Protein backbone atom coordinates (compact mmCIF):
# COMPACT_ATOMS: atom_id res chain seq x y z
CA MET A 1 47.35 110.87 167.53
CA GLU A 2 50.07 110.74 165.08
CA GLY A 3 51.43 109.15 162.12
CA TRP A 4 49.72 107.38 159.15
CA ARG A 5 46.49 107.28 161.04
CA LEU A 6 46.31 111.00 161.80
CA TYR A 7 46.77 111.48 157.93
CA MET A 8 44.19 108.89 157.06
CA LEU A 9 41.44 110.44 159.61
CA THR A 10 42.22 113.90 158.57
CA ALA A 11 41.62 112.65 155.02
CA GLY A 12 38.24 111.36 155.96
CA ILE A 13 37.44 114.52 157.99
CA TRP A 14 38.36 116.51 155.01
CA ILE A 15 36.45 114.59 152.10
CA ALA A 16 33.43 114.63 154.51
CA LEU A 17 33.44 118.63 155.06
CA PHE A 18 34.39 119.09 151.62
CA LEU A 19 31.23 117.33 150.53
CA SER A 20 28.76 119.00 152.82
CA THR A 21 30.24 122.45 152.46
CA LEU A 22 29.62 121.78 148.36
CA GLU A 23 26.35 121.22 148.83
CA THR A 24 26.00 124.97 150.24
CA THR A 25 26.97 126.48 146.79
CA ILE A 26 26.91 123.79 144.34
CA VAL A 27 22.97 124.31 143.45
CA SER A 28 23.98 128.03 143.22
CA THR A 29 24.61 127.50 139.32
CA SER A 30 22.10 124.63 138.59
CA LEU A 31 19.16 126.06 140.36
CA VAL A 32 17.34 127.28 137.17
CA SER A 33 18.38 123.83 135.38
CA ILE A 34 16.52 122.15 138.45
CA ALA A 35 13.61 124.57 137.84
CA ASP A 36 13.34 124.08 134.64
CA THR A 37 13.37 120.17 134.64
CA LEU A 38 10.92 120.38 137.65
CA SER A 39 8.64 122.91 136.30
CA GLY A 40 9.21 125.16 139.77
CA PHE A 41 11.37 128.55 138.93
CA ASP A 42 9.02 130.05 141.58
CA GLU A 43 10.07 127.57 144.02
CA ARG A 44 13.66 127.28 143.11
CA ASN A 45 14.92 128.73 146.47
CA TRP A 46 13.38 126.61 148.64
CA VAL A 47 15.97 124.02 147.53
CA VAL A 48 18.63 125.93 149.17
CA THR A 49 16.34 127.22 152.11
CA ALA A 50 15.39 123.85 152.83
CA TYR A 51 19.15 122.89 153.46
CA PHE A 52 19.82 125.85 155.46
CA LEU A 53 17.17 125.63 157.55
CA THR A 54 18.16 122.26 158.82
CA TYR A 55 21.74 122.81 158.68
CA THR A 56 21.26 125.80 161.12
CA GLY A 57 19.10 124.04 163.22
CA PHE A 58 21.10 120.84 164.06
CA LEU A 59 24.27 122.27 164.71
CA VAL A 60 24.32 123.36 168.15
CA ILE A 61 21.93 120.08 168.95
CA TYR A 62 24.83 117.82 167.57
CA ALA A 63 27.37 119.87 169.36
CA LYS A 64 25.52 119.16 172.76
CA LEU A 65 24.36 115.23 171.82
CA ALA A 66 28.20 114.51 170.97
CA SER A 67 28.85 114.97 174.74
CA ILE A 68 26.17 112.74 175.93
CA PHE A 69 26.59 109.44 173.00
CA GLY A 70 30.03 110.20 171.92
CA SER A 71 31.57 112.55 169.02
CA LYS A 72 32.52 108.98 166.87
CA THR A 73 28.54 108.49 166.98
CA MET A 74 27.16 111.29 166.05
CA PHE A 75 29.74 111.76 163.18
CA LEU A 76 28.93 108.54 161.57
CA LEU A 77 25.35 109.13 162.02
CA ALA A 78 25.93 112.81 160.23
CA LEU A 79 27.51 111.24 157.73
CA THR A 80 25.05 108.16 156.74
CA PHE A 81 22.28 110.76 156.87
CA PHE A 82 23.87 113.31 154.47
CA THR A 83 24.90 110.25 152.26
CA VAL A 84 21.79 108.74 151.97
CA PHE A 85 19.78 111.57 151.38
CA SER A 86 21.78 113.24 148.78
CA VAL A 87 21.46 110.13 146.52
CA GLY A 88 17.71 110.52 147.18
CA CYS A 89 18.14 114.05 146.27
CA GLY A 90 19.54 112.91 142.98
CA LEU A 91 16.68 110.42 142.00
CA ALA A 92 13.95 113.21 143.00
CA SER A 93 10.98 113.39 140.29
CA THR A 94 9.08 116.54 141.71
CA MET A 95 10.03 119.66 143.14
CA THR A 96 8.24 118.92 146.37
CA GLN A 97 10.39 116.08 146.87
CA LEU A 98 13.55 117.23 146.31
CA ILE A 99 12.84 120.22 148.89
CA VAL A 100 12.09 117.34 151.44
CA LEU A 101 14.98 115.51 150.44
CA ARG A 102 17.01 118.59 150.74
CA ALA A 103 16.28 119.22 154.14
CA PHE A 104 16.74 115.51 155.70
CA GLN A 105 20.26 116.19 153.73
CA GLY A 106 21.07 119.60 155.75
CA ILE A 107 20.33 117.68 158.82
CA GLY A 108 23.50 115.44 158.03
CA GLY A 109 25.15 118.44 156.59
CA SER A 110 24.99 120.25 160.05
CA GLY A 111 26.14 116.95 161.76
CA ILE A 112 29.14 116.77 159.75
CA TYR A 113 30.57 120.56 160.44
CA SER A 114 29.86 120.13 164.11
CA MET A 115 31.43 117.11 164.53
CA VAL A 116 34.54 118.37 162.75
CA LEU A 117 34.47 121.37 165.25
CA VAL A 118 34.56 119.22 168.20
CA ILE A 119 36.79 116.57 166.96
CA ALA A 120 39.62 118.56 165.45
CA PRO A 121 40.80 120.05 168.70
CA LYS A 122 41.37 117.15 170.23
CA LEU A 123 43.62 115.26 167.07
CA VAL A 124 46.80 117.43 167.86
CA PRO A 125 48.45 119.05 170.48
CA VAL A 126 47.70 122.93 171.01
CA THR A 127 50.85 123.72 169.32
CA GLU A 128 49.81 121.87 166.41
CA TYR A 129 46.26 123.04 166.25
CA GLY A 130 46.96 126.24 164.15
CA LYS A 131 48.31 124.53 161.61
CA TYR A 132 45.89 121.88 161.71
CA ILE A 133 42.70 123.89 161.61
CA GLY A 134 44.53 125.80 158.46
CA ILE A 135 44.83 122.46 156.47
CA ILE A 136 40.98 121.46 157.48
CA SER A 137 39.75 125.19 157.05
CA SER A 138 41.11 125.05 153.47
CA VAL A 139 38.10 122.99 152.52
CA PHE A 140 35.66 126.28 152.83
CA ALA A 141 37.99 128.04 150.08
CA ILE A 142 38.24 125.22 147.86
CA ALA A 143 34.42 124.36 148.38
CA SER A 144 33.39 127.83 148.00
CA PHE A 145 35.56 128.19 144.62
CA THR A 146 34.58 125.00 143.21
CA GLY A 147 30.97 124.73 143.91
CA PRO A 148 29.59 126.89 141.51
CA LEU A 149 31.67 126.10 138.80
CA VAL A 150 30.73 122.17 139.31
CA GLY A 151 27.73 123.20 139.69
CA GLY A 152 27.49 124.94 136.33
CA ALA A 153 29.74 122.79 134.53
CA ILE A 154 27.25 119.64 135.61
CA ALA A 155 23.91 121.65 134.40
CA THR A 156 25.33 122.61 131.01
CA ASN A 157 27.34 119.35 130.35
CA THR A 158 24.79 116.37 132.07
CA THR A 159 22.09 116.16 134.29
CA TRP A 160 21.63 118.29 137.07
CA ARG A 161 20.95 115.05 139.10
CA TRP A 162 24.74 114.52 139.49
CA VAL A 163 24.92 117.21 141.54
CA PHE A 164 23.95 115.26 144.41
CA LEU A 165 24.58 111.87 143.18
CA LEU A 166 28.43 113.02 143.08
CA ASN A 167 28.35 112.39 147.25
CA GLY A 168 27.73 108.90 147.20
CA PRO A 169 30.97 107.38 146.07
CA PRO A 170 33.28 109.76 148.38
CA GLY A 171 30.77 109.70 151.16
CA ALA A 172 30.62 106.25 151.78
CA LEU A 173 34.65 106.28 151.57
CA ALA A 174 34.26 108.93 154.23
CA ILE A 175 32.01 106.56 156.88
CA LEU A 176 34.41 103.86 156.13
CA ILE A 177 37.68 105.84 156.77
CA ILE A 178 35.69 107.41 160.18
CA ALA A 179 34.69 104.05 161.44
CA ILE A 180 38.05 102.76 160.96
CA PHE A 181 40.40 105.58 162.03
CA LEU A 182 38.69 107.73 164.55
CA PRO A 183 38.92 106.34 167.91
CA ALA A 184 35.73 105.44 170.08
CA SER A 185 34.98 108.76 172.16
CA LYS A 186 33.62 108.26 175.90
CA ALA A 187 30.19 110.30 176.75
CA ASP A 188 30.67 113.08 178.94
CA SER A 189 27.11 112.51 180.74
CA ASP A 190 26.47 110.11 183.13
CA SER A 191 24.49 106.96 182.64
CA THR A 192 21.59 108.58 184.51
CA PHE A 193 21.25 111.71 182.51
CA THR A 194 21.71 109.70 179.42
CA ALA A 195 18.62 107.24 180.24
CA ARG A 196 16.77 110.00 181.16
CA LEU A 197 17.32 112.22 177.92
CA ARG A 198 16.26 109.04 175.90
CA ALA A 199 12.92 108.81 177.72
CA LYS A 200 12.56 112.48 176.97
CA PHE A 201 12.98 112.05 173.26
CA SER A 202 10.04 109.29 173.19
CA ARG A 203 7.47 111.56 174.83
CA ARG A 204 5.88 114.59 173.15
CA ALA A 205 8.08 117.24 172.00
CA THR A 206 8.62 119.76 174.65
CA ARG A 207 7.38 123.17 173.81
CA ARG A 208 9.65 126.02 172.72
CA VAL A 209 8.61 128.41 175.23
CA ASP A 210 9.60 125.70 177.83
CA PHE A 211 12.69 125.12 176.24
CA ILE A 212 13.49 128.75 176.59
CA TYR A 213 12.45 128.83 180.19
CA LEU A 214 14.88 125.68 181.26
CA GLU A 215 17.76 127.35 179.57
CA ARG A 216 17.20 130.76 181.02
CA THR A 217 16.49 129.38 184.55
CA GLY A 218 19.50 126.53 184.40
CA ALA A 219 16.68 123.87 185.39
CA THR A 220 18.23 121.76 183.15
CA GLN A 221 21.52 119.96 183.67
CA GLU A 222 22.24 119.95 179.94
CA PRO A 223 21.45 123.15 178.07
CA ILE A 224 21.92 123.02 174.46
CA PHE A 225 23.51 126.66 174.51
CA GLN A 226 23.90 128.50 178.02
CA MET A 227 21.85 131.76 178.61
CA GLY A 228 24.55 133.19 180.48
CA LEU A 229 27.16 133.28 178.14
CA LEU A 230 24.99 136.02 176.30
CA LYS A 231 25.59 138.47 179.60
CA ASN A 232 28.77 139.39 177.82
CA ARG A 233 28.17 142.46 175.68
CA GLN A 234 31.01 141.55 173.29
CA LEU A 235 29.77 137.78 172.69
CA ALA A 236 25.87 139.08 172.24
CA SER A 237 26.74 141.66 169.91
CA MET A 238 29.09 139.15 167.87
CA ILE A 239 26.40 136.93 167.58
CA LEU A 240 24.23 139.51 166.35
CA THR A 241 26.68 140.78 163.90
CA THR A 242 27.44 136.90 162.77
CA PHE A 243 23.55 136.59 161.72
CA LEU A 244 23.57 140.07 159.96
CA ILE A 245 26.56 139.55 158.21
CA GLY A 246 24.72 136.37 156.76
CA PHE A 247 21.95 138.20 154.82
CA PRO A 248 24.07 139.56 152.11
CA PHE A 249 27.35 136.63 152.21
CA VAL A 250 24.55 133.78 151.41
CA THR A 251 22.40 135.73 149.28
CA ILE A 252 24.78 136.83 147.12
CA LEU A 253 26.09 133.60 146.45
CA PHE A 254 23.10 132.89 144.87
CA ILE A 255 21.39 135.84 143.22
CA ILE A 256 24.58 136.88 141.07
CA PRO A 257 24.22 133.51 138.82
CA GLN A 258 20.54 133.62 138.60
CA HIS A 259 20.92 137.55 137.73
CA ALA A 260 23.51 136.48 134.70
CA GLN A 261 21.16 133.66 133.53
CA ALA A 262 17.91 135.77 133.87
CA VAL A 263 19.15 139.15 132.70
CA TYR A 264 21.91 138.07 130.15
CA GLY A 265 20.70 134.70 128.95
CA LEU A 266 23.97 133.02 130.04
CA SER A 267 24.12 129.23 130.49
CA PRO A 268 24.94 127.88 133.61
CA VAL A 269 28.48 126.88 133.51
CA GLN A 270 29.11 130.80 131.82
CA ALA A 271 27.08 132.27 134.99
CA SER A 272 29.10 130.53 137.25
CA LEU A 273 32.35 132.21 135.97
CA THR A 274 30.48 135.51 136.86
CA VAL A 275 30.69 135.38 140.73
CA LEU A 276 34.57 134.09 140.32
CA PRO A 277 35.79 137.53 141.42
CA PHE A 278 33.66 137.10 144.99
CA LEU A 279 34.88 133.72 145.12
CA LEU A 280 38.77 134.53 144.86
CA THR A 281 39.12 137.50 146.97
CA SER A 282 37.18 136.21 149.88
CA PRO A 283 39.78 132.77 150.80
CA VAL A 284 42.21 135.44 150.22
CA ALA A 285 41.12 138.05 152.78
CA THR A 286 39.95 135.40 155.09
CA ALA A 287 43.40 134.13 154.81
CA ALA A 288 44.99 137.92 155.39
CA SER A 289 43.06 138.20 158.65
CA GLY A 290 44.44 134.80 160.22
CA VAL A 291 47.70 136.40 159.54
CA LEU A 292 46.86 139.75 160.71
CA THR A 293 45.55 138.09 164.20
CA SER A 294 48.28 135.49 164.63
CA ASN A 295 51.68 137.06 163.74
CA PHE A 296 50.52 141.01 163.99
CA ASN A 297 48.13 140.69 167.08
CA VAL A 298 45.59 142.64 165.65
CA PRO A 299 42.58 142.58 167.74
CA PRO A 300 39.80 140.49 165.90
CA SER A 301 37.15 143.04 166.43
CA TYR A 302 39.02 145.66 164.64
CA LEU A 303 39.11 143.43 161.36
CA ILE A 304 35.33 142.72 161.96
CA LEU A 305 34.56 146.61 161.90
CA VAL A 306 36.97 146.91 158.85
CA GLY A 307 35.71 144.28 157.18
CA SER A 308 31.82 145.10 157.74
CA VAL A 309 32.79 148.95 156.49
CA ILE A 310 33.96 146.96 153.19
CA GLN A 311 31.22 145.13 153.25
CA VAL A 312 28.74 147.76 153.19
CA ILE A 313 30.69 149.26 150.06
CA GLY A 314 30.87 146.57 147.84
CA VAL A 315 26.83 145.76 148.36
CA GLY A 316 26.03 149.42 148.09
CA LEU A 317 27.84 149.74 144.99
CA ALA A 318 26.14 146.73 143.31
CA ILE A 319 23.26 148.78 143.55
CA SER A 320 24.45 151.07 140.35
CA ILE A 321 25.11 147.54 138.17
CA PRO A 322 23.53 148.85 134.42
CA LEU A 323 19.90 147.26 133.98
CA THR A 324 20.53 147.04 130.30
CA GLY A 325 23.17 145.59 128.34
CA ASP A 326 24.28 142.11 126.43
CA SER A 327 26.94 141.05 129.02
CA VAL A 328 27.83 141.39 132.55
CA SER A 329 29.61 144.68 133.53
CA ALA A 330 33.19 145.20 134.05
CA ARG A 331 32.03 147.47 137.16
CA GLN A 332 30.10 144.31 138.73
CA TYR A 333 33.31 142.12 138.91
CA GLY A 334 35.17 145.08 140.61
CA TYR A 335 32.24 145.37 143.01
CA GLU A 336 31.94 141.42 143.66
CA ALA A 337 35.91 141.94 144.69
CA ILE A 338 35.25 144.36 147.22
CA MET A 339 32.55 142.66 148.72
CA GLY A 340 34.96 139.38 148.96
CA VAL A 341 37.74 141.45 150.84
CA GLY A 342 34.64 142.45 153.19
CA PHE A 343 33.05 139.06 153.96
CA GLY A 344 36.55 137.37 154.16
CA LEU A 345 37.71 139.62 156.90
CA THR A 346 34.58 139.08 159.10
CA LEU A 347 33.46 135.53 158.48
CA SER A 348 36.44 133.44 159.78
CA THR A 349 37.78 136.48 162.77
CA VAL A 350 34.34 135.92 164.40
CA LEU A 351 35.15 132.54 164.90
CA THR A 352 38.37 133.54 165.92
CA LEU A 353 37.24 135.86 168.72
CA GLY A 354 34.36 133.54 169.72
CA GLN A 355 36.60 130.99 170.90
CA ARG A 356 38.95 133.26 172.68
CA LEU A 357 35.84 134.84 174.42
CA VAL A 358 34.79 131.21 176.26
CA ARG A 359 36.07 128.47 178.14
CA LYS A 360 37.59 125.87 176.22
CA GLU A 361 34.81 123.34 177.01
CA ASP A 362 32.11 126.19 175.40
CA ALA A 363 33.93 126.77 172.53
CA GLY A 364 32.61 124.11 170.49
CA VAL A 365 28.99 125.36 171.23
CA VAL A 366 29.45 129.16 170.45
CA MET A 367 31.47 128.00 167.49
CA GLY A 368 28.67 126.14 165.83
CA ALA A 369 26.05 128.75 167.44
CA LEU A 370 28.14 131.57 165.29
CA THR A 371 27.67 129.50 162.37
CA GLN A 372 24.32 128.30 163.08
CA VAL A 373 22.89 131.90 163.06
CA ARG A 374 25.15 133.07 160.13
CA VAL A 375 23.48 130.62 157.95
CA LEU A 376 19.98 131.27 159.10
CA GLY A 377 20.79 134.91 158.58
CA GLY A 378 21.27 133.92 155.05
CA THR A 379 18.41 131.55 154.96
CA VAL A 380 16.06 134.27 155.92
CA ALA A 381 17.55 136.72 153.44
CA LEU A 382 16.89 134.27 150.55
CA ALA A 383 13.69 133.83 151.30
CA ILE A 384 12.83 137.60 151.52
CA CYS A 385 14.98 138.33 148.30
CA SER A 386 12.73 135.45 146.35
CA ALA A 387 9.68 137.41 147.40
CA VAL A 388 10.76 140.73 146.68
CA LEU A 389 11.61 139.65 143.30
CA SER A 390 8.57 137.25 142.86
CA ASN A 391 6.53 140.50 143.66
CA HIS A 392 8.12 142.94 141.51
CA LEU A 393 7.76 140.58 138.40
CA ARG A 394 4.17 139.83 139.17
CA HIS A 395 3.38 144.02 139.43
CA LYS A 396 5.35 144.76 136.36
CA LEU A 397 5.33 141.93 133.99
CA VAL A 398 1.49 141.97 133.89
CA GLU A 399 1.49 144.81 131.52
CA VAL A 400 3.51 143.21 128.91
CA ILE A 401 2.92 139.26 128.90
CA THR A 402 -0.19 136.98 129.57
CA LEU A 403 -0.99 134.99 133.08
CA THR A 404 -0.28 131.77 130.57
CA GLU A 405 3.01 133.45 129.84
CA PHE A 406 4.02 134.31 133.40
CA GLN A 407 3.61 130.92 134.53
CA GLU A 408 5.70 129.18 132.02
CA ILE A 409 8.62 131.70 132.77
CA ALA A 410 7.68 131.01 136.64
CA GLU A 411 8.52 126.97 135.89
CA SER A 412 11.60 127.37 133.64
CA LEU A 413 13.54 130.67 132.40
CA GLY A 414 13.40 129.32 129.18
CA ALA A 415 10.23 130.44 128.40
CA ILE A 416 11.29 133.94 128.05
CA ASP A 417 13.23 133.37 124.69
CA LYS A 418 9.47 132.38 123.31
CA LEU A 419 8.44 135.96 123.39
CA GLY A 420 9.13 138.46 120.74
CA PRO A 421 12.37 140.55 120.51
CA GLU A 422 10.93 143.37 122.39
CA ARG A 423 9.02 141.54 125.20
CA VAL A 424 12.49 139.50 125.87
CA ALA A 425 13.93 142.62 126.12
CA ARG A 426 11.73 144.40 128.80
CA VAL A 427 11.18 141.26 130.54
CA ARG A 428 15.10 140.86 131.13
CA LEU A 429 14.97 144.31 132.32
CA GLU A 430 12.48 143.74 134.79
CA PHE A 431 14.32 140.86 136.10
CA ALA A 432 17.17 143.68 136.38
CA GLU A 433 15.25 145.99 138.21
CA GLY A 434 14.17 143.30 140.60
CA TYR A 435 17.48 142.17 141.20
CA ARG A 436 18.55 145.72 142.03
CA ARG A 437 16.29 146.06 144.87
CA GLN A 438 17.37 142.67 146.14
CA PHE A 439 20.80 144.41 146.47
CA GLN A 440 19.13 147.55 147.82
CA LEU A 441 17.59 145.37 150.88
CA LEU A 442 20.85 143.69 151.25
CA THR A 443 22.98 146.83 151.43
CA GLY A 444 20.41 148.06 154.38
CA PHE A 445 21.13 144.53 156.61
CA SER A 446 24.96 145.32 155.52
CA GLY A 447 24.03 148.87 157.23
CA ALA A 448 22.89 147.33 160.25
CA ALA A 449 25.89 144.63 160.49
CA LEU A 450 28.13 147.57 160.15
CA LEU A 451 26.08 149.49 163.86
CA ALA A 452 26.11 145.94 165.50
CA ALA A 453 29.48 145.43 164.82
CA LEU A 454 30.56 148.82 166.70
CA PHE A 455 29.63 147.29 169.67
CA LEU A 456 32.35 144.46 169.72
CA SER A 457 34.54 147.40 170.61
CA SER A 458 36.29 147.35 174.42
CA ARG A 459 38.47 149.43 176.67
CA HIS A 460 40.91 146.56 176.16
CA PRO A 461 40.33 144.45 172.92
CA ILE A 462 41.49 140.61 172.54
CA THR A 463 44.53 140.30 170.37
CA GLY A 464 46.19 137.33 169.13
CA SER A 465 47.84 136.25 172.26
CA MET A 466 44.99 136.22 174.44
CA ARG A 467 43.01 133.04 174.66
CA ARG A 468 39.61 134.20 176.34
CA ILE A 469 38.10 136.66 178.53
CA PRO A 470 38.55 136.04 181.85
CA ILE A 471 34.90 137.74 183.10
CA LEU A 472 33.11 135.73 180.48
CA SER A 473 34.43 132.13 181.82
CA ASP A 474 33.18 133.74 185.64
CA VAL A 475 29.75 134.10 184.02
CA ALA A 476 29.77 130.70 182.64
CA ASP A 477 31.05 129.54 185.98
CA ASP A 478 28.09 131.05 187.38
CA THR A 479 25.44 129.81 185.41
């Protein structure tokens, strides 16, 4: 594909991917406002977790279904799901409704990301793919940077509902562009298997243990993820490393703005500015990693290891953020910058290494799996960190405030200001201590990611001039 048709299709893909990526960060600075309106501060992180759970759960499934029903069909289905349920989120009247609708929105967002990974390599020649994927990948830097800012601005100046409603018009535009300009793709599987698959979907869901058995034994003709790929030590180590990296990366995007609002009483838009050093340095380091691997043939495994070390340092230093004060410490901004460099060097590099470890036909599934485990790690960490903060506050604040006052704070942070000056200071201090404990936990996970990254080393590391590991191809062919 070339010319104006390619430009139009690229615009549609970019819009769709931007919207789904924006939804992973835009709520980070509007969560407190959402919780205040719907009286659910204690449940706030489920708004994030629900989206991430379905986002991760359907990445690989979409990639496999695209080979059966066609990538255009699955892309349009995902876009429609995302747009419709985005509007639904904006109309939610209770926290429970919002959480459920966010889960369905995540199913659509998952499909958008997965289909871009499947479709993009087919649109341009191999020689132009690096440049093309660079254009598409700009989405992540822009969405990560603008998400918290837009979310904070919306929550401060208007209703939080526009965080979700804004996806409606551009989502509809993306559907129209994809429907017109994306060529229909031919399903890879024969009609017999497709008929059998549809029959399977109409029956009761297969138990997970049966699914794992079929995947391991190869008894199914179309495994979602070939377990034989994990026989390669580097790929298995990379999946584990990516999973553990997701713990601090995703969580930090949310706890830094919340920390600013709970401890310093900042507005959503002010809180969004506190995460800027992290958001600015991460894409710069990502771009640098691309140059180092492509132009200087630096082995991706080396960059992942270096990035993991920097990540541990940055997250570990965040433990020393002062517990008291009227404003965000300057040191915190420096620690965020260090974290951003560490994460930037690792997150995109694992995808670069991943596609070089496998055959071309397995690259989409492997890249989807890597993204899936990263976001899954963040989802697990968010739930754990939320429990750590809640348990700490319940244990410490019982000495300071009544049960009724605690419940009011659990529903809205604005209730803190209703307390007397001395009790306000004590409550904010305990919030600060709770967030410090979260950083201690995340430092441990960062250390575990570093240990896992050590197993990525090999006698002959892959460089930018190498496409894939022949041994893994042989393993995949045998399974």
